[in-house]
Structure formats: C-alpha cells, structure tokens
Amino acid sequence: MRIVLTSCLAMLVLALPFGRAEEKKGKFDAGKLVGTWKYTAGTKGGEKVAPEMLAGQVVFTKDTITLPAGPDQKFVMAYKIVGEGSPAKIDMEIKDGPVKEGKAQGIVSLEGEVLKICYKPDLGDGAKRPEKFESTKDNGNFLFELKKAK
C-alpha cells in the first residue's frame, strides 16, 4: 500500500510542471491574427448586417486592422491584445478613415481559421467590454465572424 501511495505521489509531482505548461499554451497568440480575412457573418445591435456590407477584406498586421468602410474608403485601427484570460481581450482605436477617432473594447477568439470578434464602440457613454460573443438590441454589441482568406 505504501509503495502504491508513494508511486501515485511521485507521478503527481512529475505531472505538475506539464500541467502548468499547458496552461501557458492556452494564452492567445496575437501573431495568428496577422493576414487577410473575409467576413462570413455580422450582427450589430442584434440585427444581421447585410451581405453587401460584409464585402471586402480585413487585413491584420501585428498592430493594425484595415477594413472596408464603403466604396473606396477604409478604416485603419490600432489594436492590442490586453491581459490574459479566455476569451482574449482586444482594445481598438481608429487611426484613419471616414471617422478620424473612436475607440472600442472587445473580445476575440480564434479557432482554426475562424475568427470571432465582439465589441462595443465607445460613444462617450462608458461602453463596457462584452463578456460573451453575442449581439442583441439590449447590449448594442457588434459581432463579426471572419475566415482566413486563401
């Protein structure tokens, strides 16, 4: 009995470092955002975004997002992944486009080639970061799903 208990404790002690390494692997890798993406769905304040408004490509660099804003217009936003946790938190700030200023706090997830981003524009009303990926009339969140362009 003593040998069995000692063996179990030894295995537990040896397994602890491996468990911690897996927790660190769960950290969001912002480098995987870099590239070109296409919208697959969008909702603003609980209402589906018209397919023609989801045309065009979204380009992520290591610190900017460039997205279509209508014919011959685009937005350029700075972004950063902040803190830890799941889902990952993202802060965005408009740097150029039809509107020259604006901020938003959101959440982001990446599963394979599918990117989900949910945020609430800060209109000076103390907008809070969404806690889950949902867009309703009540919460006013914007929710977009994108797929890595081939």
Foldseek 3Di string as FASTA:
>chain_A
DVVVVVVVVVVVVVCVVVVVVVVVVPWDDLQVQAAKKFFPWKDFQAHTDDPVVRDDIWGDDSFWIWDDDDPPWIWIKGKDFDDTDPQTKMKIWTCDTPDHTWIWIEGWDDDPFKIKIKIATCPVPPQDYDPDQDHHNVNRIMITMIGHDD
